[in-house]
Amino acid sequence: EICVGGSLTLTANVNGGSSVYTRLWETSPDGVNNWTSTGITTPTFNVPSGTAGTFYYRVEITDPLSDCADPISNVVPIIIHPDATVSVSPATNTVCVGGTATITSTVTGGSGTFVYQWQQSTTGTGSWTVVAGQTASTYSPPTGTAGTMYYRVQVTDNMTGCDDPISGNAQVIVVNDIAITTQP
């Protein structure tokens, strides 16, 4: 499994036969029928990764010597995932001091196995700092002091060739509780 634009090389290890055999890498849309040549005859094959989907590959050996077998390798399925994207919601969350503001991230694409890291900024345009220990897909920032803070999440996709997206901003506005004063 790789992401679009990732790099993956298949290798054909041949044992026995003559030294004059040829290789031909083939592909199929379902891994069973309609095998077509890729035109590649080298011992290694760099899997094209420009399009997301599941692709099947095998290598066929042709040994021209009399009575030598022409084996076909096992089928290798390759899954190419679109790069991950991440968004956060809600975009704005207003709570009173001490209230609960929960931000949820949603990831689409990628491998499905991610590491999350929340970040914060007072301006939302720069100076992002890591929020220590906040590595879950949701985050409930502190609301003990009135003010505005911006949050985003960076997702690390550990699969080869996959992008590590950063979400847009979520704004958390913490306001003071209503105070009632009386006059004589």
N, C-alpha and C. Protein backbone atom coordinates (compact mmCIF):
# COMPACT_ATOMS: atom_id res chain seq x y z
N GLU A 1 0.84 -1.19 0.00
CA GLU A 1 0.00 0.00 0.00
C GLU A 1 0.88 1.24 0.00
N ILE A 2 0.51 2.20 -0.81
CA ILE A 2 1.20 3.49 -0.88
C ILE A 2 0.14 4.56 -1.15
N CYS A 3 0.55 5.81 -1.09
CA CYS A 3 -0.33 6.90 -1.47
C CYS A 3 0.00 7.36 -2.88
N VAL A 4 -0.91 8.11 -3.48
CA VAL A 4 -0.69 8.66 -4.81
C VAL A 4 0.63 9.43 -4.80
N GLY A 5 1.46 9.15 -5.78
CA GLY A 5 2.76 9.80 -5.88
C GLY A 5 3.85 9.12 -5.08
N GLY A 6 3.49 8.08 -4.33
CA GLY A 6 4.48 7.34 -3.54
C GLY A 6 5.33 6.46 -4.43
N SER A 7 6.30 5.82 -3.83
CA SER A 7 7.23 4.99 -4.59
C SER A 7 7.22 3.57 -4.04
N LEU A 8 7.11 2.61 -4.94
CA LEU A 8 7.10 1.20 -4.57
C LEU A 8 7.73 0.41 -5.70
N THR A 9 8.68 -0.46 -5.37
CA THR A 9 9.37 -1.27 -6.37
C THR A 9 9.12 -2.74 -6.09
N LEU A 10 8.67 -3.47 -7.11
CA LEU A 10 8.51 -4.92 -7.02
C LEU A 10 9.77 -5.56 -7.61
N THR A 11 10.18 -6.70 -7.06
CA THR A 11 11.37 -7.39 -7.52
C THR A 11 11.03 -8.83 -7.85
N ALA A 12 11.49 -9.29 -9.04
CA ALA A 12 11.29 -10.68 -9.46
C ALA A 12 12.55 -11.47 -9.15
N ASN A 13 12.45 -12.41 -8.24
CA ASN A 13 13.57 -13.30 -7.91
C ASN A 13 13.36 -14.62 -8.62
N VAL A 14 14.25 -14.96 -9.54
CA VAL A 14 14.12 -16.17 -10.36
C VAL A 14 15.14 -17.19 -9.89
N ASN A 15 14.68 -18.42 -9.69
CA ASN A 15 15.57 -19.52 -9.30
C ASN A 15 15.49 -20.61 -10.36
N GLY A 16 16.64 -21.15 -10.76
CA GLY A 16 16.68 -22.24 -11.72
C GLY A 16 16.52 -21.74 -13.14
N GLY A 17 16.32 -22.69 -14.05
CA GLY A 17 16.16 -22.35 -15.46
C GLY A 17 17.49 -21.98 -16.09
N SER A 18 17.43 -21.56 -17.33
CA SER A 18 18.65 -21.17 -18.03
C SER A 18 18.99 -19.72 -17.70
N SER A 19 20.10 -19.26 -18.23
CA SER A 19 20.49 -17.88 -17.99
C SER A 19 20.01 -16.95 -19.09
N VAL A 20 19.23 -17.47 -20.02
CA VAL A 20 18.78 -16.65 -21.16
C VAL A 20 17.28 -16.35 -21.09
N TYR A 21 16.68 -16.54 -19.94
CA TYR A 21 15.24 -16.29 -19.82
C TYR A 21 14.95 -14.79 -19.92
N THR A 22 13.70 -14.47 -20.21
CA THR A 22 13.27 -13.07 -20.22
C THR A 22 12.11 -12.92 -19.24
N ARG A 23 11.97 -11.71 -18.73
CA ARG A 23 10.88 -11.38 -17.82
C ARG A 23 9.93 -10.44 -18.53
N LEU A 24 8.68 -10.48 -18.12
CA LEU A 24 7.71 -9.50 -18.61
C LEU A 24 6.71 -9.24 -17.48
N TRP A 25 6.68 -7.99 -17.00
CA TRP A 25 5.72 -7.60 -15.96
C TRP A 25 4.37 -7.37 -16.61
N GLU A 26 3.32 -7.87 -15.95
CA GLU A 26 1.95 -7.75 -16.46
C GLU A 26 1.04 -7.16 -15.40
N THR A 27 -0.06 -6.59 -15.86
CA THR A 27 -1.05 -6.01 -14.95
C THR A 27 -2.45 -6.48 -15.35
N SER A 28 -3.34 -6.48 -14.37
CA SER A 28 -4.73 -6.90 -14.59
C SER A 28 -5.64 -6.03 -13.74
N PRO A 29 -6.85 -5.73 -14.23
CA PRO A 29 -7.78 -4.92 -13.43
C PRO A 29 -8.38 -5.67 -12.25
N ASP A 30 -8.37 -7.01 -12.29
CA ASP A 30 -8.99 -7.77 -11.20
C ASP A 30 -8.07 -8.81 -10.58
N GLY A 31 -6.86 -8.97 -11.12
CA GLY A 31 -5.92 -9.94 -10.59
C GLY A 31 -6.17 -11.36 -11.03
N VAL A 32 -7.16 -11.56 -11.91
CA VAL A 32 -7.50 -12.90 -12.37
C VAL A 32 -7.45 -12.99 -13.89
N ASN A 33 -8.10 -12.06 -14.55
CA ASN A 33 -8.24 -12.11 -16.01
C ASN A 33 -7.65 -10.87 -16.67
N ASN A 34 -7.63 -10.89 -17.99
CA ASN A 34 -7.25 -9.75 -18.81
C ASN A 34 -5.87 -9.20 -18.48
N TRP A 35 -4.89 -10.07 -18.37
CA TRP A 35 -3.52 -9.65 -18.10
C TRP A 35 -2.95 -8.99 -19.34
N THR A 36 -2.34 -7.82 -19.14
CA THR A 36 -1.72 -7.10 -20.25
C THR A 36 -0.29 -6.75 -19.88
N SER A 37 0.54 -6.61 -20.89
CA SER A 37 1.94 -6.31 -20.69
C SER A 37 2.13 -4.86 -20.25
N THR A 38 3.07 -4.66 -19.34
CA THR A 38 3.47 -3.30 -18.97
C THR A 38 4.62 -2.83 -19.85
N GLY A 39 5.23 -3.77 -20.57
CA GLY A 39 6.39 -3.46 -21.40
C GLY A 39 7.70 -3.48 -20.64
N ILE A 40 7.64 -3.71 -19.32
CA ILE A 40 8.83 -3.71 -18.48
C ILE A 40 9.40 -5.13 -18.42
N THR A 41 10.72 -5.28 -18.71
CA THR A 41 11.36 -6.59 -18.72
C THR A 41 12.54 -6.68 -17.76
N THR A 42 12.69 -5.71 -16.91
CA THR A 42 13.80 -5.69 -15.95
C THR A 42 13.46 -6.50 -14.70
N PRO A 43 14.47 -6.83 -13.88
CA PRO A 43 14.19 -7.60 -12.66
C PRO A 43 13.32 -6.84 -11.66
N THR A 44 13.35 -5.50 -11.73
CA THR A 44 12.52 -4.71 -10.82
C THR A 44 11.50 -3.91 -11.62
N PHE A 45 10.41 -3.59 -10.96
CA PHE A 45 9.32 -2.85 -11.60
C PHE A 45 8.88 -1.75 -10.65
N ASN A 46 9.00 -0.49 -11.08
CA ASN A 46 8.53 0.65 -10.29
C ASN A 46 7.04 0.84 -10.57
N VAL A 47 6.25 0.61 -9.56
CA VAL A 47 4.79 0.67 -9.69
C VAL A 47 4.35 2.10 -10.00
N PRO A 48 3.59 2.32 -11.08
CA PRO A 48 3.05 3.66 -11.33
C PRO A 48 2.07 4.02 -10.21
N SER A 49 2.20 5.24 -9.67
CA SER A 49 1.37 5.59 -8.51
C SER A 49 0.61 6.90 -8.72
N GLY A 50 0.32 7.22 -9.96
CA GLY A 50 -0.36 8.49 -10.24
C GLY A 50 -1.86 8.46 -10.02
N THR A 51 -2.45 7.28 -9.90
CA THR A 51 -3.90 7.16 -9.78
C THR A 51 -4.26 6.28 -8.59
N ALA A 52 -5.22 6.72 -7.80
CA ALA A 52 -5.69 5.91 -6.66
C ALA A 52 -6.49 4.72 -7.16
N GLY A 53 -6.40 3.61 -6.44
CA GLY A 53 -7.15 2.41 -6.79
C GLY A 53 -6.38 1.17 -6.39
N THR A 54 -6.91 0.02 -6.76
CA THR A 54 -6.24 -1.26 -6.51
C THR A 54 -5.80 -1.83 -7.85
N PHE A 55 -4.53 -2.20 -7.91
CA PHE A 55 -3.94 -2.70 -9.14
C PHE A 55 -3.23 -4.02 -8.84
N TYR A 56 -3.18 -4.89 -9.85
CA TYR A 56 -2.60 -6.21 -9.67
C TYR A 56 -1.45 -6.39 -10.65
N TYR A 57 -0.35 -6.99 -10.15
CA TYR A 57 0.83 -7.19 -10.98
C TYR A 57 1.37 -8.60 -10.80
N ARG A 58 2.03 -9.09 -11.85
CA ARG A 58 2.74 -10.36 -11.80
C ARG A 58 3.87 -10.28 -12.82
N VAL A 59 4.78 -11.23 -12.77
CA VAL A 59 5.85 -11.29 -13.76
C VAL A 59 5.80 -12.67 -14.42
N GLU A 60 5.95 -12.69 -15.73
CA GLU A 60 5.95 -13.93 -16.50
C GLU A 60 7.37 -14.16 -17.01
N ILE A 61 7.86 -15.38 -16.83
CA ILE A 61 9.21 -15.76 -17.26
C ILE A 61 9.09 -16.63 -18.51
N THR A 62 9.88 -16.30 -19.52
CA THR A 62 9.94 -17.13 -20.72
C THR A 62 11.37 -17.63 -20.85
N ASP A 63 11.53 -18.96 -20.80
CA ASP A 63 12.84 -19.59 -20.93
C ASP A 63 12.85 -20.31 -22.28
N PRO A 64 13.67 -19.84 -23.24
CA PRO A 64 13.62 -20.38 -24.59
C PRO A 64 14.24 -21.78 -24.75
N LEU A 65 14.93 -22.30 -23.76
CA LEU A 65 15.55 -23.62 -23.89
C LEU A 65 14.49 -24.71 -23.89
N SER A 66 14.77 -25.76 -24.61
CA SER A 66 13.84 -26.89 -24.74
C SER A 66 13.54 -27.48 -23.37
N ASP A 67 12.29 -27.77 -23.15
CA ASP A 67 11.78 -28.40 -21.94
C ASP A 67 11.89 -27.54 -20.68
N CYS A 68 12.24 -26.26 -20.79
CA CYS A 68 12.27 -25.38 -19.62
C CYS A 68 10.87 -24.77 -19.42
N ALA A 69 10.48 -24.70 -18.18
CA ALA A 69 9.15 -24.15 -17.86
C ALA A 69 9.13 -22.65 -18.05
N ASP A 70 7.95 -22.12 -18.28
CA ASP A 70 7.72 -20.67 -18.38
C ASP A 70 6.79 -20.26 -17.23
N PRO A 71 7.36 -20.11 -16.04
CA PRO A 71 6.51 -19.86 -14.87
C PRO A 71 5.96 -18.44 -14.84
N ILE A 72 4.86 -18.32 -14.08
CA ILE A 72 4.24 -17.02 -13.80
C ILE A 72 4.26 -16.85 -12.29
N SER A 73 4.64 -15.68 -11.85
CA SER A 73 4.75 -15.43 -10.40
C SER A 73 3.37 -15.35 -9.74
N ASN A 74 3.42 -15.23 -8.43
CA ASN A 74 2.21 -14.94 -7.68
C ASN A 74 1.72 -13.53 -8.05
N VAL A 75 0.46 -13.27 -7.78
CA VAL A 75 -0.14 -11.97 -8.06
C VAL A 75 0.06 -11.07 -6.84
N VAL A 76 0.49 -9.83 -7.10
CA VAL A 76 0.71 -8.88 -6.01
C VAL A 76 -0.31 -7.75 -6.15
N PRO A 77 -1.24 -7.62 -5.18
CA PRO A 77 -2.17 -6.49 -5.22
C PRO A 77 -1.50 -5.24 -4.64
N ILE A 78 -1.66 -4.14 -5.31
CA ILE A 78 -1.12 -2.86 -4.85
C ILE A 78 -2.29 -1.91 -4.66
N ILE A 79 -2.42 -1.38 -3.46
CA ILE A 79 -3.48 -0.41 -3.15
C ILE A 79 -2.85 0.97 -3.10
N ILE A 80 -3.34 1.87 -3.93
CA ILE A 80 -2.84 3.24 -3.95
C ILE A 80 -3.94 4.14 -3.40
N HIS A 81 -3.66 4.74 -2.25
CA HIS A 81 -4.63 5.59 -1.56
C HIS A 81 -4.46 7.05 -1.99
N PRO A 82 -5.56 7.80 -2.05
CA PRO A 82 -5.40 9.24 -2.24
C PRO A 82 -4.76 9.81 -0.97
N ASP A 83 -4.02 10.91 -1.12
CA ASP A 83 -3.42 11.53 0.06
C ASP A 83 -4.52 11.97 1.03
N ALA A 84 -4.18 11.95 2.30
CA ALA A 84 -5.12 12.35 3.34
C ALA A 84 -5.35 13.85 3.32
N THR A 85 -6.56 14.24 3.67
CA THR A 85 -6.89 15.63 3.95
C THR A 85 -7.57 15.64 5.32
N VAL A 86 -7.46 16.76 6.02
CA VAL A 86 -8.05 16.84 7.35
C VAL A 86 -8.77 18.17 7.51
N SER A 87 -9.92 18.11 8.16
CA SER A 87 -10.67 19.32 8.48
C SER A 87 -11.07 19.26 9.95
N VAL A 88 -11.40 20.42 10.52
CA VAL A 88 -11.83 20.47 11.92
C VAL A 88 -13.18 21.18 12.01
N SER A 89 -13.95 20.79 13.02
CA SER A 89 -15.23 21.45 13.24
C SER A 89 -15.53 21.44 14.74
N PRO A 90 -16.30 22.41 15.20
CA PRO A 90 -16.82 23.55 14.45
C PRO A 90 -15.72 24.57 14.18
N ALA A 91 -15.98 25.43 13.19
CA ALA A 91 -15.00 26.47 12.83
C ALA A 91 -14.88 27.50 13.95
N THR A 92 -16.00 27.78 14.62
CA THR A 92 -15.99 28.72 15.75
C THR A 92 -16.78 28.10 16.88
N ASN A 93 -16.23 28.20 18.07
CA ASN A 93 -16.85 27.62 19.25
C ASN A 93 -16.78 28.67 20.35
N THR A 94 -17.94 29.17 20.78
CA THR A 94 -17.98 30.18 21.83
C THR A 94 -18.56 29.56 23.09
N VAL A 95 -17.81 29.71 24.21
CA VAL A 95 -18.25 29.15 25.48
C VAL A 95 -17.94 30.15 26.59
N CYS A 96 -18.59 29.97 27.72
CA CYS A 96 -18.28 30.78 28.89
C CYS A 96 -17.07 30.17 29.60
N VAL A 97 -16.44 30.98 30.44
CA VAL A 97 -15.29 30.51 31.21
C VAL A 97 -15.68 29.23 31.94
N GLY A 98 -14.86 28.21 31.79
CA GLY A 98 -15.12 26.93 32.44
C GLY A 98 -16.00 26.00 31.63
N GLY A 99 -16.50 26.46 30.47
CA GLY A 99 -17.34 25.62 29.62
C GLY A 99 -16.52 24.59 28.86
N THR A 100 -17.21 23.79 28.07
CA THR A 100 -16.54 22.75 27.28
C THR A 100 -16.62 23.11 25.80
N ALA A 101 -15.46 23.15 25.17
CA ALA A 101 -15.37 23.40 23.73
C ALA A 101 -14.62 22.23 23.13
N THR A 102 -15.32 21.41 22.36
CA THR A 102 -14.68 20.24 21.76
C THR A 102 -14.52 20.46 20.27
N ILE A 103 -13.31 20.21 19.77
CA ILE A 103 -13.00 20.32 18.34
C ILE A 103 -12.77 18.91 17.82
N THR A 104 -13.40 18.60 16.71
CA THR A 104 -13.30 17.27 16.12
C THR A 104 -12.63 17.35 14.76
N SER A 105 -11.69 16.46 14.52
CA SER A 105 -11.04 16.40 13.21
C SER A 105 -11.65 15.27 12.39
N THR A 106 -11.70 15.49 11.07
CA THR A 106 -12.19 14.47 10.15
C THR A 106 -11.14 14.30 9.05
N VAL A 107 -10.66 13.06 8.90
CA VAL A 107 -9.64 12.76 7.90
C VAL A 107 -10.28 11.94 6.79
N THR A 108 -10.00 12.32 5.54
CA THR A 108 -10.41 11.52 4.40
C THR A 108 -9.17 11.16 3.60
N GLY A 109 -9.21 10.00 2.96
CA GLY A 109 -8.07 9.52 2.19
C GLY A 109 -6.97 8.99 3.10
N GLY A 110 -5.83 8.75 2.52
CA GLY A 110 -4.69 8.25 3.29
C GLY A 110 -4.83 6.79 3.66
N SER A 111 -3.95 6.36 4.52
CA SER A 111 -3.86 4.94 4.87
C SER A 111 -4.89 4.49 5.90
N GLY A 112 -5.40 5.42 6.69
CA GLY A 112 -6.32 5.05 7.77
C GLY A 112 -5.63 4.89 9.10
N THR A 113 -4.30 4.92 9.11
CA THR A 113 -3.53 4.84 10.35
C THR A 113 -2.78 6.14 10.50
N PHE A 114 -3.22 6.97 11.44
CA PHE A 114 -2.69 8.33 11.55
C PHE A 114 -2.19 8.63 12.96
N VAL A 115 -1.31 9.61 13.04
CA VAL A 115 -0.89 10.19 14.31
C VAL A 115 -1.34 11.65 14.27
N TYR A 116 -2.01 12.08 15.33
CA TYR A 116 -2.55 13.44 15.40
C TYR A 116 -1.69 14.29 16.34
N GLN A 117 -1.55 15.57 16.00
CA GLN A 117 -0.90 16.51 16.91
C GLN A 117 -1.59 17.85 16.81
N TRP A 118 -2.21 18.28 17.91
CA TRP A 118 -2.89 19.56 17.95
C TRP A 118 -1.89 20.68 18.17
N GLN A 119 -2.19 21.84 17.56
CA GLN A 119 -1.34 23.03 17.68
C GLN A 119 -2.24 24.21 18.03
N GLN A 120 -1.64 25.26 18.60
CA GLN A 120 -2.42 26.45 18.96
C GLN A 120 -1.67 27.71 18.56
N SER A 121 -2.46 28.79 18.39
CA SER A 121 -1.89 30.09 18.04
C SER A 121 -2.82 31.17 18.57
N THR A 122 -2.25 32.27 19.01
CA THR A 122 -3.07 33.37 19.49
C THR A 122 -3.64 34.20 18.35
N THR A 123 -3.04 34.10 17.15
CA THR A 123 -3.49 34.90 16.01
C THR A 123 -4.15 34.08 14.91
N GLY A 124 -3.84 32.80 14.85
CA GLY A 124 -4.39 31.96 13.80
C GLY A 124 -3.68 32.10 12.47
N THR A 125 -2.65 32.94 12.43
CA THR A 125 -1.93 33.15 11.16
C THR A 125 -0.46 32.79 11.26
N GLY A 126 0.01 32.47 12.40
CA GLY A 126 1.41 32.13 12.55
C GLY A 126 1.75 31.83 13.98
N SER A 127 3.02 31.54 14.22
CA SER A 127 3.49 31.22 15.57
C SER A 127 2.70 30.07 16.18
N TRP A 128 2.55 29.00 15.42
CA TRP A 128 1.84 27.83 15.94
C TRP A 128 2.76 27.05 16.87
N THR A 129 2.22 26.64 18.00
CA THR A 129 2.98 25.83 18.95
C THR A 129 2.24 24.52 19.20
N VAL A 130 3.00 23.49 19.47
CA VAL A 130 2.44 22.17 19.74
C VAL A 130 1.76 22.18 21.10
N VAL A 131 0.58 21.59 21.18
CA VAL A 131 -0.12 21.42 22.45
C VAL A 131 0.32 20.08 23.00
N ALA A 132 1.18 20.11 24.01
CA ALA A 132 1.79 18.89 24.55
C ALA A 132 0.73 17.88 24.98
N GLY A 133 0.94 16.64 24.57
CA GLY A 133 0.08 15.53 25.00
C GLY A 133 -1.24 15.43 24.27
N GLN A 134 -1.53 16.31 23.33
CA GLN A 134 -2.83 16.28 22.65
C GLN A 134 -2.66 15.59 21.29
N THR A 135 -2.87 14.27 21.28
CA THR A 135 -2.61 13.45 20.09
C THR A 135 -3.79 12.59 19.70
N ALA A 136 -4.99 13.00 20.11
CA ALA A 136 -6.20 12.27 19.74
C ALA A 136 -6.88 13.00 18.57
N SER A 137 -7.87 12.38 17.99
CA SER A 137 -8.57 12.99 16.86
C SER A 137 -9.51 14.12 17.29
N THR A 138 -9.83 14.19 18.58
CA THR A 138 -10.62 15.29 19.11
C THR A 138 -9.82 16.00 20.20
N TYR A 139 -10.19 17.24 20.45
CA TYR A 139 -9.46 18.02 21.46
C TYR A 139 -10.43 18.98 22.13
N SER A 140 -10.36 19.01 23.46
CA SER A 140 -11.13 19.96 24.26
C SER A 140 -10.14 20.91 24.93
N PRO A 141 -9.95 22.10 24.32
CA PRO A 141 -8.96 23.03 24.86
C PRO A 141 -9.39 23.60 26.20
N PRO A 142 -8.43 24.14 26.95
CA PRO A 142 -8.76 24.75 28.24
C PRO A 142 -9.61 26.00 28.06
N THR A 143 -10.53 26.22 29.00
CA THR A 143 -11.43 27.37 28.92
C THR A 143 -11.48 28.13 30.24
N GLY A 144 -10.39 28.11 30.97
CA GLY A 144 -10.38 28.73 32.29
C GLY A 144 -10.19 30.24 32.27
N THR A 145 -9.80 30.80 31.12
CA THR A 145 -9.55 32.24 31.03
C THR A 145 -10.25 32.79 29.79
N ALA A 146 -10.86 33.98 29.95
CA ALA A 146 -11.53 34.60 28.80
C ALA A 146 -10.49 35.00 27.76
N GLY A 147 -10.87 34.86 26.48
CA GLY A 147 -9.98 35.22 25.38
C GLY A 147 -10.26 34.36 24.17
N THR A 148 -9.50 34.60 23.11
CA THR A 148 -9.67 33.86 21.86
C THR A 148 -8.37 33.13 21.54
N MET A 149 -8.51 31.86 21.14
CA MET A 149 -7.35 31.05 20.75
C MET A 149 -7.74 30.26 19.50
N TYR A 150 -6.76 30.00 18.67
CA TYR A 150 -6.98 29.25 17.43
C TYR A 150 -6.27 27.90 17.56
N TYR A 151 -6.91 26.87 16.99
CA TYR A 151 -6.37 25.52 17.05
C TYR A 151 -6.42 24.89 15.67
N ARG A 152 -5.48 23.99 15.42
CA ARG A 152 -5.48 23.18 14.20
C ARG A 152 -4.82 21.86 14.55
N VAL A 153 -4.96 20.90 13.65
CA VAL A 153 -4.35 19.59 13.89
C VAL A 153 -3.51 19.20 12.69
N GLN A 154 -2.34 18.63 12.97
CA GLN A 154 -1.51 18.06 11.91
C GLN A 154 -1.64 16.56 12.00
N VAL A 155 -1.85 15.93 10.85
CA VAL A 155 -2.00 14.48 10.79
C VAL A 155 -0.78 13.91 10.09
N THR A 156 -0.15 12.94 10.73
CA THR A 156 0.98 12.24 10.13
C THR A 156 0.49 10.89 9.65
N ASP A 157 0.67 10.63 8.36
CA ASP A 157 0.31 9.35 7.75
C ASP A 157 1.62 8.61 7.52
N ASN A 158 1.81 7.51 8.24
CA ASN A 158 3.10 6.81 8.21
C ASN A 158 3.33 5.96 6.96
N MET A 159 2.35 5.88 6.07
CA MET A 159 2.52 5.08 4.87
C MET A 159 3.47 5.79 3.90
N THR A 160 4.21 5.02 3.14
CA THR A 160 5.18 5.54 2.19
C THR A 160 4.55 6.48 1.19
N GLY A 161 5.14 7.66 1.05
CA GLY A 161 4.71 8.61 0.03
C GLY A 161 3.46 9.40 0.36
N CYS A 162 2.93 9.24 1.56
CA CYS A 162 1.69 9.93 1.90
C CYS A 162 1.99 11.31 2.49
N ASP A 163 1.16 12.28 2.12
CA ASP A 163 1.30 13.63 2.66
C ASP A 163 0.85 13.66 4.12
N ASP A 164 1.33 14.65 4.86
CA ASP A 164 0.96 14.87 6.25
C ASP A 164 0.21 16.19 6.34
N PRO A 165 -1.12 16.16 6.16
CA PRO A 165 -1.88 17.40 6.05
C PRO A 165 -2.06 18.12 7.39
N ILE A 166 -2.30 19.42 7.27
CA ILE A 166 -2.65 20.26 8.42
C ILE A 166 -4.03 20.85 8.15
N SER A 167 -4.87 20.83 9.15
CA SER A 167 -6.24 21.33 8.99
C SER A 167 -6.27 22.85 8.91
N GLY A 168 -7.44 23.36 8.59
CA GLY A 168 -7.69 24.79 8.75
C GLY A 168 -7.85 25.10 10.23
N ASN A 169 -8.12 26.34 10.54
CA ASN A 169 -8.21 26.77 11.93
C ASN A 169 -9.60 26.55 12.53
N ALA A 170 -9.61 26.30 13.82
CA ALA A 170 -10.84 26.33 14.62
C ALA A 170 -10.62 27.41 15.68
N GLN A 171 -11.57 28.31 15.78
CA GLN A 171 -11.47 29.42 16.73
C GLN A 171 -12.29 29.09 17.97
N VAL A 172 -11.66 29.24 19.12
CA VAL A 172 -12.37 29.05 20.38
C VAL A 172 -12.38 30.39 21.11
N ILE A 173 -13.59 30.89 21.36
CA ILE A 173 -13.78 32.17 22.04
C ILE A 173 -14.35 31.86 23.43
N VAL A 174 -13.61 32.26 24.46
CA VAL A 174 -14.06 32.05 25.83
C VAL A 174 -14.46 33.41 26.38
N VAL A 175 -15.74 33.52 26.81
CA VAL A 175 -16.26 34.79 27.33
C VAL A 175 -16.55 34.64 28.82
N ASN A 176 -16.51 35.78 29.51
CA ASN A 176 -16.83 35.77 30.94
C ASN A 176 -18.31 35.47 31.14
N ASP A 177 -18.61 34.90 32.28
CA ASP A 177 -20.01 34.66 32.63
C ASP A 177 -20.72 36.00 32.81
N ILE A 178 -22.02 35.96 32.63
CA ILE A 178 -22.82 37.17 32.82
C ILE A 178 -22.81 37.53 34.30
N ALA A 179 -22.59 38.78 34.56
CA ALA A 179 -22.61 39.27 35.95
C ALA A 179 -23.76 40.26 36.09
N ILE A 180 -24.54 40.11 37.13
CA ILE A 180 -25.66 41.03 37.37
C ILE A 180 -25.30 41.90 38.56
N THR A 181 -25.42 43.17 38.34
CA THR A 181 -25.20 44.10 39.46
C THR A 181 -26.52 44.80 39.77
N THR A 182 -26.73 45.10 40.98
CA THR A 182 -27.95 45.81 41.37
C THR A 182 -27.60 47.20 41.82
N GLN A 183 -28.55 48.07 41.62
CA GLN A 183 -28.35 49.43 42.07
C GLN A 183 -29.48 49.79 43.03
N PRO A 184 -29.18 50.71 43.93
CA PRO A 184 -30.22 51.06 44.92
C PRO A 184 -31.44 51.66 44.24
